[in-house]
Amino acid sequence: MAIKIVLTRTIGTEGISKYMLVLPTFNLFITLCNLGVPTAITKMVSERKKSSKKIVIPITYIILVYNILLIIILFIISPILAKNLLHSSDLYYPLISIGITLPFIAVSSIIKGYFFGKERVFPNTISNIVEQLARLILTIFLVSKMMKYGLVIAVTSVVLINVISEFSSIVVLLLFLPKEKIDKEDFKVDNS
């Protein structure tokens, strides 16, 4: 709630209206970039049918490749979305900036899904707090500085703040990952 109050005071009602025009597209692409994978990872990790590393790492690579395709699609359709659907061609840059945030959101969601599967909520809680604090601090300092370059730049920076806040969340989550253990079953020799 504090972030919304600060954001409204910083970019004003016109800026909020532009951000609200971009927000449904942002939410749609967040949904598309995850594809329900964090929930699937949570289920697979909790069932412990395979080692967690064998589940999370290949899925992360696949999701990142998929996100690159989404970014390309977003870059292609952004002019059409801005001009024809949102009826505001100056929203092109905020729409483009959505694509930059997608890989960070996807990786953060995958790691959070891993921790939920391990039934460890504390890392997710800490990462959410750090993410929201980063978003609040950047909204206070960065967006207010971007206002002097124009409203569109400020709204674009509001979207791009998600890159830094999600990255900070990823760093915190990585600190809670268990240290690498040598799995004896990986080195088992079949004598048959």
N, C-alpha and C. Protein backbone atom coordinates (compact mmCIF):
# COMPACT_ATOMS: atom_id res chain seq x y z
N MET A 1 0.82 -1.18 0.00
CA MET A 1 0.00 0.00 0.00
C MET A 1 0.87 1.25 0.00
N ALA A 2 1.96 1.22 0.74
CA ALA A 2 2.86 2.38 0.79
C ALA A 2 3.43 2.68 -0.59
N ILE A 3 3.73 1.62 -1.35
CA ILE A 3 4.29 1.82 -2.68
C ILE A 3 3.29 2.53 -3.58
N LYS A 4 2.01 2.14 -3.50
CA LYS A 4 0.98 2.78 -4.33
C LYS A 4 0.79 4.24 -3.95
N ILE A 5 0.85 4.54 -2.66
CA ILE A 5 0.71 5.93 -2.21
C ILE A 5 1.88 6.76 -2.74
N VAL A 6 3.09 6.26 -2.57
CA VAL A 6 4.28 6.98 -3.03
C VAL A 6 4.25 7.14 -4.55
N LEU A 7 3.86 6.08 -5.25
CA LEU A 7 3.81 6.12 -6.71
C LEU A 7 2.80 7.16 -7.19
N THR A 8 1.63 7.20 -6.57
CA THR A 8 0.60 8.19 -6.95
C THR A 8 1.09 9.60 -6.71
N ARG A 9 1.76 9.82 -5.59
CA ARG A 9 2.29 11.16 -5.29
C ARG A 9 3.42 11.54 -6.24
N THR A 10 4.18 10.54 -6.69
CA THR A 10 5.34 10.83 -7.54
C THR A 10 4.95 11.12 -8.98
N ILE A 11 4.12 10.26 -9.58
CA ILE A 11 3.81 10.44 -11.01
C ILE A 11 2.44 11.07 -11.24
N GLY A 12 1.67 11.29 -10.20
CA GLY A 12 0.40 11.99 -10.35
C GLY A 12 -0.68 11.13 -10.99
N THR A 13 -1.85 11.73 -11.13
CA THR A 13 -3.00 10.98 -11.64
C THR A 13 -2.84 10.62 -13.11
N GLU A 14 -2.23 11.52 -13.90
CA GLU A 14 -2.03 11.21 -15.32
C GLU A 14 -1.04 10.06 -15.49
N GLY A 15 0.01 10.06 -14.69
CA GLY A 15 0.98 8.96 -14.74
C GLY A 15 0.37 7.65 -14.30
N ILE A 16 -0.44 7.69 -13.25
CA ILE A 16 -1.12 6.47 -12.78
C ILE A 16 -2.05 5.95 -13.85
N SER A 17 -2.76 6.85 -14.54
CA SER A 17 -3.67 6.38 -15.59
C SER A 17 -2.91 5.71 -16.72
N LYS A 18 -1.73 6.24 -17.07
CA LYS A 18 -0.91 5.59 -18.10
C LYS A 18 -0.39 4.23 -17.62
N TYR A 19 0.03 4.18 -16.36
CA TYR A 19 0.51 2.93 -15.80
C TYR A 19 -0.62 1.89 -15.74
N MET A 20 -1.81 2.32 -15.40
CA MET A 20 -2.96 1.41 -15.34
C MET A 20 -3.35 0.89 -16.72
N LEU A 21 -3.07 1.67 -17.76
CA LEU A 21 -3.31 1.19 -19.12
C LEU A 21 -2.34 0.07 -19.49
N VAL A 22 -1.10 0.17 -18.98
CA VAL A 22 -0.06 -0.82 -19.28
C VAL A 22 -0.20 -2.06 -18.40
N LEU A 23 -0.75 -1.89 -17.21
CA LEU A 23 -0.79 -2.96 -16.21
C LEU A 23 -1.49 -4.25 -16.67
N PRO A 24 -2.64 -4.20 -17.35
CA PRO A 24 -3.24 -5.47 -17.80
C PRO A 24 -2.33 -6.26 -18.76
N THR A 25 -1.64 -5.56 -19.64
CA THR A 25 -0.68 -6.23 -20.54
C THR A 25 0.46 -6.82 -19.73
N PHE A 26 0.92 -6.07 -18.74
CA PHE A 26 2.00 -6.54 -17.87
C PHE A 26 1.57 -7.82 -17.15
N ASN A 27 0.38 -7.81 -16.57
CA ASN A 27 -0.13 -8.99 -15.85
C ASN A 27 -0.32 -10.17 -16.79
N LEU A 28 -0.79 -9.92 -18.01
CA LEU A 28 -0.95 -10.99 -18.99
C LEU A 28 0.40 -11.64 -19.31
N PHE A 29 1.42 -10.83 -19.54
CA PHE A 29 2.73 -11.39 -19.88
C PHE A 29 3.41 -12.04 -18.68
N ILE A 30 3.11 -11.58 -17.47
CA ILE A 30 3.63 -12.28 -16.28
C ILE A 30 3.03 -13.68 -16.21
N THR A 31 1.73 -13.77 -16.48
CA THR A 31 1.07 -15.08 -16.49
C THR A 31 1.66 -15.97 -17.58
N LEU A 32 1.86 -15.40 -18.77
CA LEU A 32 2.42 -16.17 -19.88
C LEU A 32 3.87 -16.58 -19.64
N CYS A 33 4.65 -15.73 -18.97
CA CYS A 33 6.07 -16.06 -18.77
C CYS A 33 6.26 -17.19 -17.77
N ASN A 34 5.28 -17.39 -16.88
CA ASN A 34 5.39 -18.45 -15.88
C ASN A 34 4.76 -19.76 -16.32
N LEU A 35 3.66 -19.69 -17.06
CA LEU A 35 2.96 -20.88 -17.55
C LEU A 35 2.56 -21.87 -16.46
N GLY A 36 2.40 -21.42 -15.25
CA GLY A 36 2.05 -22.34 -14.16
C GLY A 36 3.20 -23.22 -13.72
N VAL A 37 4.41 -22.95 -14.21
CA VAL A 37 5.58 -23.77 -13.88
C VAL A 37 5.93 -23.73 -12.39
N PRO A 38 5.87 -22.57 -11.71
CA PRO A 38 6.19 -22.57 -10.28
C PRO A 38 5.32 -23.53 -9.47
N THR A 39 4.03 -23.61 -9.82
CA THR A 39 3.14 -24.53 -9.13
C THR A 39 3.53 -25.98 -9.41
N ALA A 40 3.89 -26.27 -10.66
CA ALA A 40 4.33 -27.62 -11.02
C ALA A 40 5.62 -27.98 -10.30
N ILE A 41 6.54 -27.03 -10.21
CA ILE A 41 7.81 -27.28 -9.50
C ILE A 41 7.53 -27.56 -8.03
N THR A 42 6.63 -26.78 -7.43
CA THR A 42 6.27 -27.00 -6.03
C THR A 42 5.78 -28.42 -5.83
N LYS A 43 4.90 -28.88 -6.71
CA LYS A 43 4.34 -30.22 -6.59
C LYS A 43 5.43 -31.29 -6.79
N MET A 44 6.26 -31.12 -7.82
CA MET A 44 7.29 -32.13 -8.12
C MET A 44 8.34 -32.19 -7.02
N VAL A 45 8.76 -31.04 -6.51
CA VAL A 45 9.77 -31.01 -5.45
C VAL A 45 9.20 -31.61 -4.17
N SER A 46 7.93 -31.33 -3.88
CA SER A 46 7.33 -31.86 -2.65
C SER A 46 7.15 -33.37 -2.72
N GLU A 47 6.93 -33.91 -3.92
CA GLU A 47 6.81 -35.37 -4.07
C GLU A 47 8.16 -36.07 -4.02
N ARG A 48 9.23 -35.35 -4.30
CA ARG A 48 10.61 -35.85 -4.24
C ARG A 48 10.81 -37.11 -5.09
N LYS A 49 10.22 -37.12 -6.29
CA LYS A 49 10.41 -38.27 -7.17
C LYS A 49 11.81 -38.26 -7.80
N LYS A 50 12.33 -37.07 -8.04
CA LYS A 50 13.68 -36.91 -8.57
C LYS A 50 14.40 -35.93 -7.66
N SER A 51 15.71 -35.80 -7.86
CA SER A 51 16.41 -34.79 -7.08
C SER A 51 15.94 -33.41 -7.55
N SER A 52 15.89 -32.48 -6.64
CA SER A 52 15.38 -31.14 -6.94
C SER A 52 16.18 -30.46 -8.03
N LYS A 53 17.49 -30.70 -8.03
CA LYS A 53 18.36 -30.09 -9.04
C LYS A 53 17.98 -30.57 -10.44
N LYS A 54 17.63 -31.85 -10.56
CA LYS A 54 17.25 -32.40 -11.85
C LYS A 54 15.89 -31.89 -12.32
N ILE A 55 15.12 -31.32 -11.42
CA ILE A 55 13.82 -30.75 -11.78
C ILE A 55 13.98 -29.27 -12.15
N VAL A 56 14.63 -28.52 -11.28
CA VAL A 56 14.63 -27.07 -11.39
C VAL A 56 15.52 -26.56 -12.53
N ILE A 57 16.72 -27.07 -12.67
CA ILE A 57 17.66 -26.51 -13.65
C ILE A 57 17.17 -26.67 -15.09
N PRO A 58 16.75 -27.86 -15.54
CA PRO A 58 16.27 -27.96 -16.93
C PRO A 58 15.03 -27.10 -17.19
N ILE A 59 14.13 -27.03 -16.22
CA ILE A 59 12.93 -26.22 -16.41
C ILE A 59 13.29 -24.75 -16.50
N THR A 60 14.28 -24.32 -15.74
CA THR A 60 14.71 -22.92 -15.80
C THR A 60 15.23 -22.57 -17.19
N TYR A 61 16.05 -23.45 -17.77
CA TYR A 61 16.56 -23.20 -19.13
C TYR A 61 15.42 -23.13 -20.14
N ILE A 62 14.48 -24.03 -20.04
CA ILE A 62 13.35 -24.05 -20.98
C ILE A 62 12.52 -22.77 -20.84
N ILE A 63 12.25 -22.38 -19.61
CA ILE A 63 11.44 -21.17 -19.38
C ILE A 63 12.18 -19.92 -19.88
N LEU A 64 13.51 -19.87 -19.71
CA LEU A 64 14.25 -18.71 -20.20
C LEU A 64 14.21 -18.61 -21.72
N VAL A 65 14.34 -19.74 -22.41
CA VAL A 65 14.23 -19.74 -23.87
C VAL A 65 12.83 -19.30 -24.29
N TYR A 66 11.83 -19.83 -23.61
CA TYR A 66 10.45 -19.46 -23.88
C TYR A 66 10.23 -17.96 -23.64
N ASN A 67 10.85 -17.42 -22.59
CA ASN A 67 10.72 -15.99 -22.30
C ASN A 67 11.37 -15.13 -23.38
N ILE A 68 12.45 -15.61 -23.96
CA ILE A 68 13.08 -14.87 -25.07
C ILE A 68 12.10 -14.77 -26.24
N LEU A 69 11.38 -15.86 -26.51
CA LEU A 69 10.36 -15.83 -27.56
C LEU A 69 9.24 -14.85 -27.21
N LEU A 70 8.83 -14.83 -25.95
CA LEU A 70 7.81 -13.87 -25.51
C LEU A 70 8.28 -12.43 -25.68
N ILE A 71 9.54 -12.18 -25.37
CA ILE A 71 10.10 -10.83 -25.52
C ILE A 71 10.05 -10.41 -26.98
N ILE A 72 10.44 -11.31 -27.87
CA ILE A 72 10.41 -11.01 -29.31
C ILE A 72 8.98 -10.70 -29.76
N ILE A 73 8.03 -11.52 -29.31
CA ILE A 73 6.62 -11.28 -29.66
C ILE A 73 6.16 -9.92 -29.12
N LEU A 74 6.54 -9.62 -27.88
CA LEU A 74 6.13 -8.35 -27.27
C LEU A 74 6.73 -7.17 -28.03
N PHE A 75 7.99 -7.28 -28.45
CA PHE A 75 8.63 -6.21 -29.21
C PHE A 75 7.92 -5.99 -30.55
N ILE A 76 7.44 -7.07 -31.15
CA ILE A 76 6.75 -6.96 -32.44
C ILE A 76 5.36 -6.35 -32.28
N ILE A 77 4.62 -6.77 -31.25
CA ILE A 77 3.23 -6.31 -31.13
C ILE A 77 3.07 -5.02 -30.31
N SER A 78 4.13 -4.53 -29.68
CA SER A 78 4.01 -3.33 -28.85
C SER A 78 3.50 -2.10 -29.61
N PRO A 79 4.00 -1.83 -30.82
CA PRO A 79 3.45 -0.66 -31.53
C PRO A 79 1.96 -0.80 -31.82
N ILE A 80 1.53 -2.01 -32.14
CA ILE A 80 0.11 -2.25 -32.43
C ILE A 80 -0.72 -2.09 -31.16
N LEU A 81 -0.21 -2.66 -30.05
CA LEU A 81 -0.93 -2.53 -28.77
C LEU A 81 -1.06 -1.07 -28.36
N ALA A 82 0.06 -0.33 -28.45
CA ALA A 82 0.05 1.06 -28.01
C ALA A 82 -0.88 1.92 -28.86
N LYS A 83 -0.80 1.75 -30.18
CA LYS A 83 -1.56 2.63 -31.07
C LYS A 83 -3.03 2.23 -31.19
N ASN A 84 -3.29 0.94 -31.42
CA ASN A 84 -4.65 0.51 -31.74
C ASN A 84 -5.49 0.10 -30.53
N LEU A 85 -4.89 -0.61 -29.57
CA LEU A 85 -5.67 -1.09 -28.44
C LEU A 85 -5.70 -0.10 -27.27
N LEU A 86 -4.55 0.48 -26.94
CA LEU A 86 -4.49 1.40 -25.82
C LEU A 86 -4.73 2.85 -26.25
N HIS A 87 -4.73 3.11 -27.57
CA HIS A 87 -4.98 4.44 -28.14
C HIS A 87 -4.05 5.50 -27.57
N SER A 88 -2.80 5.11 -27.33
CA SER A 88 -1.80 6.04 -26.81
C SER A 88 -0.43 5.57 -27.29
N SER A 89 0.04 6.16 -28.37
CA SER A 89 1.30 5.68 -28.96
C SER A 89 2.50 5.93 -28.05
N ASP A 90 2.37 6.82 -27.07
CA ASP A 90 3.49 7.06 -26.15
C ASP A 90 3.67 5.95 -25.13
N LEU A 91 2.77 4.96 -25.11
CA LEU A 91 2.93 3.81 -24.20
C LEU A 91 3.80 2.71 -24.80
N TYR A 92 4.38 2.98 -25.96
CA TYR A 92 5.26 2.00 -26.60
C TYR A 92 6.43 1.62 -25.69
N TYR A 93 7.11 2.59 -25.10
CA TYR A 93 8.28 2.30 -24.27
C TYR A 93 7.93 1.55 -22.98
N PRO A 94 6.86 1.92 -22.28
CA PRO A 94 6.48 1.09 -21.14
C PRO A 94 6.15 -0.36 -21.52
N LEU A 95 5.52 -0.54 -22.70
CA LEU A 95 5.21 -1.90 -23.15
C LEU A 95 6.48 -2.68 -23.47
N ILE A 96 7.44 -2.03 -24.11
CA ILE A 96 8.72 -2.68 -24.42
C ILE A 96 9.44 -3.07 -23.13
N SER A 97 9.38 -2.20 -22.13
CA SER A 97 10.09 -2.47 -20.87
C SER A 97 9.52 -3.67 -20.13
N ILE A 98 8.27 -4.04 -20.43
CA ILE A 98 7.69 -5.25 -19.83
C ILE A 98 8.54 -6.47 -20.20
N GLY A 99 8.97 -6.52 -21.45
CA GLY A 99 9.76 -7.66 -21.92
C GLY A 99 11.06 -7.85 -21.15
N ILE A 100 11.67 -6.76 -20.76
CA ILE A 100 12.94 -6.85 -20.02
C ILE A 100 12.74 -7.47 -18.65
N THR A 101 11.56 -7.26 -18.06
CA THR A 101 11.31 -7.78 -16.71
C THR A 101 10.96 -9.27 -16.69
N LEU A 102 10.48 -9.81 -17.80
CA LEU A 102 9.94 -11.18 -17.80
C LEU A 102 10.92 -12.26 -17.33
N PRO A 103 12.16 -12.31 -17.83
CA PRO A 103 13.06 -13.39 -17.35
C PRO A 103 13.32 -13.33 -15.84
N PHE A 104 13.42 -12.13 -15.30
CA PHE A 104 13.66 -11.99 -13.86
C PHE A 104 12.47 -12.49 -13.06
N ILE A 105 11.27 -12.16 -13.51
CA ILE A 105 10.06 -12.62 -12.82
C ILE A 105 9.95 -14.14 -12.90
N ALA A 106 10.27 -14.70 -14.08
CA ALA A 106 10.18 -16.16 -14.25
C ALA A 106 11.15 -16.90 -13.35
N VAL A 107 12.40 -16.46 -13.30
CA VAL A 107 13.41 -17.13 -12.47
C VAL A 107 13.05 -17.01 -11.00
N SER A 108 12.62 -15.83 -10.59
CA SER A 108 12.21 -15.63 -9.20
C SER A 108 11.05 -16.56 -8.83
N SER A 109 10.09 -16.69 -9.72
CA SER A 109 8.93 -17.56 -9.46
C SER A 109 9.33 -19.02 -9.37
N ILE A 110 10.27 -19.44 -10.21
CA ILE A 110 10.74 -20.83 -10.19
C ILE A 110 11.42 -21.15 -8.86
N ILE A 111 12.29 -20.24 -8.41
CA ILE A 111 13.00 -20.48 -7.14
C ILE A 111 12.01 -20.46 -5.96
N LYS A 112 11.03 -19.56 -6.02
CA LYS A 112 10.01 -19.53 -4.96
C LYS A 112 9.21 -20.83 -4.96
N GLY A 113 8.90 -21.35 -6.15
CA GLY A 113 8.20 -22.63 -6.24
C GLY A 113 9.01 -23.76 -5.63
N TYR A 114 10.33 -23.72 -5.83
CA TYR A 114 11.22 -24.72 -5.23
C TYR A 114 11.11 -24.69 -3.70
N PHE A 115 11.17 -23.48 -3.13
CA PHE A 115 11.11 -23.36 -1.67
C PHE A 115 9.75 -23.77 -1.12
N PHE A 116 8.69 -23.45 -1.85
CA PHE A 116 7.36 -23.89 -1.41
C PHE A 116 7.29 -25.42 -1.43
N GLY A 117 7.91 -26.04 -2.43
CA GLY A 117 7.94 -27.50 -2.51
C GLY A 117 8.71 -28.12 -1.36
N LYS A 118 9.75 -27.44 -0.92
CA LYS A 118 10.54 -27.90 0.22
C LYS A 118 9.89 -27.53 1.56
N GLU A 119 8.75 -26.86 1.48
CA GLU A 119 8.01 -26.40 2.66
C GLU A 119 8.85 -25.45 3.52
N ARG A 120 9.60 -24.60 2.83
CA ARG A 120 10.39 -23.58 3.50
C ARG A 120 9.84 -22.21 3.09
N VAL A 121 9.07 -21.61 3.96
CA VAL A 121 8.39 -20.36 3.65
C VAL A 121 9.26 -19.15 4.01
N PHE A 122 10.16 -19.32 4.96
CA PHE A 122 10.98 -18.19 5.43
C PHE A 122 11.76 -17.52 4.30
N PRO A 123 12.45 -18.27 3.41
CA PRO A 123 13.16 -17.60 2.31
C PRO A 123 12.24 -16.78 1.41
N ASN A 124 11.05 -17.30 1.13
CA ASN A 124 10.09 -16.55 0.31
C ASN A 124 9.64 -15.27 1.01
N THR A 125 9.43 -15.36 2.30
CA THR A 125 9.01 -14.19 3.08
C THR A 125 10.08 -13.11 3.05
N ILE A 126 11.32 -13.50 3.32
CA ILE A 126 12.43 -12.54 3.32
C ILE A 126 12.61 -11.94 1.93
N SER A 127 12.55 -12.77 0.90
CA SER A 127 12.74 -12.26 -0.46
C SER A 127 11.62 -11.30 -0.85
N ASN A 128 10.39 -11.57 -0.41
CA ASN A 128 9.28 -10.65 -0.70
C ASN A 128 9.47 -9.31 0.00
N ILE A 129 9.97 -9.35 1.23
CA ILE A 129 10.21 -8.11 1.97
C ILE A 129 11.30 -7.30 1.28
N VAL A 130 12.40 -7.96 0.91
CA VAL A 130 13.50 -7.27 0.22
C VAL A 130 13.02 -6.70 -1.12
N GLU A 131 12.23 -7.49 -1.84
CA GLU A 131 11.70 -7.05 -3.13
C GLU A 131 10.83 -5.81 -2.98
N GLN A 132 9.94 -5.80 -1.99
CA GLN A 132 9.06 -4.65 -1.79
C GLN A 132 9.83 -3.43 -1.30
N LEU A 133 10.84 -3.65 -0.45
CA LEU A 133 11.67 -2.52 0.01
C LEU A 133 12.45 -1.92 -1.16
N ALA A 134 13.00 -2.78 -2.01
CA ALA A 134 13.73 -2.28 -3.19
C ALA A 134 12.79 -1.50 -4.09
N ARG A 135 11.58 -2.02 -4.28
CA ARG A 135 10.60 -1.33 -5.13
C ARG A 135 10.22 0.03 -4.52
N LEU A 136 10.04 0.09 -3.21
CA LEU A 136 9.67 1.34 -2.54
C LEU A 136 10.80 2.37 -2.65
N ILE A 137 12.02 1.94 -2.34
CA ILE A 137 13.16 2.86 -2.38
C ILE A 137 13.39 3.39 -3.80
N LEU A 138 13.31 2.49 -4.79
CA LEU A 138 13.50 2.92 -6.16
C LEU A 138 12.37 3.83 -6.64
N THR A 139 11.17 3.58 -6.17
CA THR A 139 10.04 4.45 -6.53
C THR A 139 10.26 5.85 -5.97
N ILE A 140 10.74 5.92 -4.73
CA ILE A 140 10.96 7.22 -4.10
C ILE A 140 12.08 7.99 -4.81
N PHE A 141 13.20 7.33 -5.08
CA PHE A 141 14.36 8.05 -5.58
C PHE A 141 14.47 8.08 -7.11
N LEU A 142 14.25 6.95 -7.75
CA LEU A 142 14.46 6.88 -9.20
C LEU A 142 13.32 7.50 -9.99
N VAL A 143 12.09 7.15 -9.65
CA VAL A 143 10.95 7.64 -10.44
C VAL A 143 10.82 9.14 -10.32
N SER A 144 11.06 9.68 -9.13
CA SER A 144 10.97 11.14 -8.97
C SER A 144 12.02 11.86 -9.83
N LYS A 145 13.20 11.26 -9.98
CA LYS A 145 14.23 11.85 -10.85
C LYS A 145 13.85 11.73 -12.32
N MET A 146 13.15 10.64 -12.68
CA MET A 146 12.75 10.43 -14.08
C MET A 146 11.62 11.35 -14.51
N MET A 147 10.89 11.90 -13.55
CA MET A 147 9.78 12.79 -13.88
C MET A 147 10.25 14.02 -14.66
N LYS A 148 11.48 14.46 -14.41
CA LYS A 148 11.94 15.65 -15.13
C LYS A 148 12.23 15.36 -16.61
N TYR A 149 12.31 14.07 -16.97
CA TYR A 149 12.50 13.70 -18.38
C TYR A 149 11.18 13.43 -19.09
N GLY A 150 10.09 13.45 -18.35
CA GLY A 150 8.78 13.26 -18.95
C GLY A 150 8.00 12.15 -18.29
N LEU A 151 6.72 12.20 -18.47
CA LEU A 151 5.82 11.24 -17.83
C LEU A 151 6.00 9.83 -18.37
N VAL A 152 6.22 9.72 -19.69
CA VAL A 152 6.39 8.39 -20.30
C VAL A 152 7.65 7.72 -19.77
N ILE A 153 8.72 8.48 -19.62
CA ILE A 153 9.97 7.94 -19.07
C ILE A 153 9.75 7.50 -17.62
N ALA A 154 8.99 8.28 -16.87
CA ALA A 154 8.71 7.92 -15.48
C ALA A 154 7.90 6.63 -15.40
N VAL A 155 6.88 6.49 -16.26
CA VAL A 155 6.07 5.27 -16.25
C VAL A 155 6.91 4.08 -16.71
N THR A 156 7.79 4.29 -17.68
CA THR A 156 8.70 3.23 -18.11
C THR A 156 9.61 2.81 -16.97
N SER A 157 10.10 3.77 -16.21
CA SER A 157 10.96 3.43 -15.07
C SER A 157 10.20 2.69 -13.98
N VAL A 158 8.90 2.97 -13.83
CA VAL A 158 8.07 2.23 -12.86
C VAL A 158 8.03 0.75 -13.25
N VAL A 159 7.90 0.48 -14.55
CA VAL A 159 7.89 -0.92 -15.02
C VAL A 159 9.28 -1.53 -14.85
N LEU A 160 10.33 -0.77 -15.18
CA LEU A 160 11.69 -1.31 -15.11
C LEU A 160 12.19 -1.52 -13.68
N ILE A 161 11.56 -0.87 -12.73
CA ILE A 161 11.92 -1.09 -11.32
C ILE A 161 11.77 -2.57 -10.96
N ASN A 162 10.85 -3.24 -11.63
CA ASN A 162 10.63 -4.67 -11.37
C ASN A 162 11.87 -5.51 -11.67
N VAL A 163 12.71 -5.07 -12.60
CA VAL A 163 13.95 -5.80 -12.89
C VAL A 163 14.82 -5.84 -11.64
N ILE A 164 15.04 -4.67 -11.05
CA ILE A 164 15.93 -4.59 -9.89
C ILE A 164 15.31 -5.26 -8.67
N SER A 165 14.00 -5.05 -8.48
CA SER A 165 13.36 -5.65 -7.30
C SER A 165 13.31 -7.17 -7.42
N GLU A 166 13.03 -7.70 -8.61
CA GLU A 166 13.03 -9.16 -8.79
C GLU A 166 14.45 -9.72 -8.69
N PHE A 167 15.44 -8.98 -9.20
CA PHE A 167 16.82 -9.42 -9.08
C PHE A 167 17.24 -9.50 -7.62
N SER A 168 16.85 -8.51 -6.83
CA SER A 168 17.17 -8.55 -5.39
C SER A 168 16.49 -9.73 -4.72
N SER A 169 15.28 -10.04 -5.16
CA SER A 169 14.57 -11.21 -4.63
C SER A 169 15.31 -12.50 -4.98
N ILE A 170 15.80 -12.59 -6.22
CA ILE A 170 16.54 -13.78 -6.66
C ILE A 170 17.81 -13.95 -5.84
N VAL A 171 18.53 -12.85 -5.61
CA VAL A 171 19.78 -12.91 -4.83
C VAL A 171 19.49 -13.43 -3.42
N VAL A 172 18.45 -12.91 -2.79
CA VAL A 172 18.10 -13.35 -1.44
C VAL A 172 17.74 -14.84 -1.45
N LEU A 173 16.95 -15.26 -2.43
CA LEU A 173 16.56 -16.67 -2.50
C LEU A 173 17.77 -17.58 -2.73
N LEU A 174 18.72 -17.13 -3.56
CA LEU A 174 19.92 -17.94 -3.80
C LEU A 174 20.76 -18.12 -2.55
N LEU A 175 20.71 -17.13 -1.66
CA LEU A 175 21.45 -17.25 -0.40
C LEU A 175 20.89 -18.36 0.48
N PHE A 176 19.62 -18.69 0.31
CA PHE A 176 18.98 -19.72 1.11
C PHE A 176 19.04 -21.11 0.48
N LEU A 177 19.53 -21.20 -0.76
CA LEU A 177 19.63 -22.52 -1.39
C LEU A 177 20.62 -23.39 -0.64
N PRO A 178 20.35 -24.69 -0.53
CA PRO A 178 21.28 -25.56 0.19
C PRO A 178 22.60 -25.68 -0.56
N LYS A 179 23.64 -25.92 0.20
CA LYS A 179 24.96 -26.13 -0.40
C LYS A 179 24.94 -27.41 -1.22
N GLU A 180 25.77 -27.45 -2.22
CA GLU A 180 25.82 -28.61 -3.14
C GLU A 180 26.27 -29.86 -2.38
N LYS A 181 25.49 -30.91 -2.51
CA LYS A 181 25.85 -32.19 -1.89
C LYS A 181 26.11 -33.21 -2.98
N ILE A 182 27.04 -34.10 -2.74
CA ILE A 182 27.32 -35.16 -3.70
C ILE A 182 26.34 -36.29 -3.44
N ASP A 183 25.57 -36.59 -4.47
CA ASP A 183 24.57 -37.64 -4.36
C ASP A 183 25.23 -38.97 -4.71
N LYS A 184 25.23 -39.91 -3.77
CA LYS A 184 25.90 -41.20 -3.97
C LYS A 184 25.28 -41.99 -5.13
N GLU A 185 23.98 -41.78 -5.34
CA GLU A 185 23.31 -42.52 -6.41
C GLU A 185 23.78 -42.07 -7.79
N ASP A 186 24.28 -40.83 -7.90
CA ASP A 186 24.80 -40.35 -9.17
C ASP A 186 26.07 -41.09 -9.58
N PHE A 187 26.82 -41.62 -8.60
CA PHE A 187 28.07 -42.28 -8.88
C PHE A 187 28.00 -43.81 -8.75
N LYS A 188 26.80 -44.32 -8.64
CA LYS A 188 26.62 -45.77 -8.51
C LYS A 188 26.97 -46.45 -9.84
N VAL A 189 27.74 -47.49 -9.78
CA VAL A 189 28.12 -48.24 -10.99
C VAL A 189 27.25 -49.47 -11.08
N ASP A 190 26.70 -49.68 -12.26
CA ASP A 190 25.86 -50.85 -12.49
C ASP A 190 26.75 -52.01 -12.87
N ASN A 191 26.82 -53.06 -12.02
CA ASN A 191 27.70 -54.20 -12.26
C ASN A 191 27.04 -55.35 -13.01
N SER A 192 25.84 -55.13 -13.50
CA SER A 192 25.17 -56.23 -14.19
C SER A 192 25.56 -56.37 -15.63
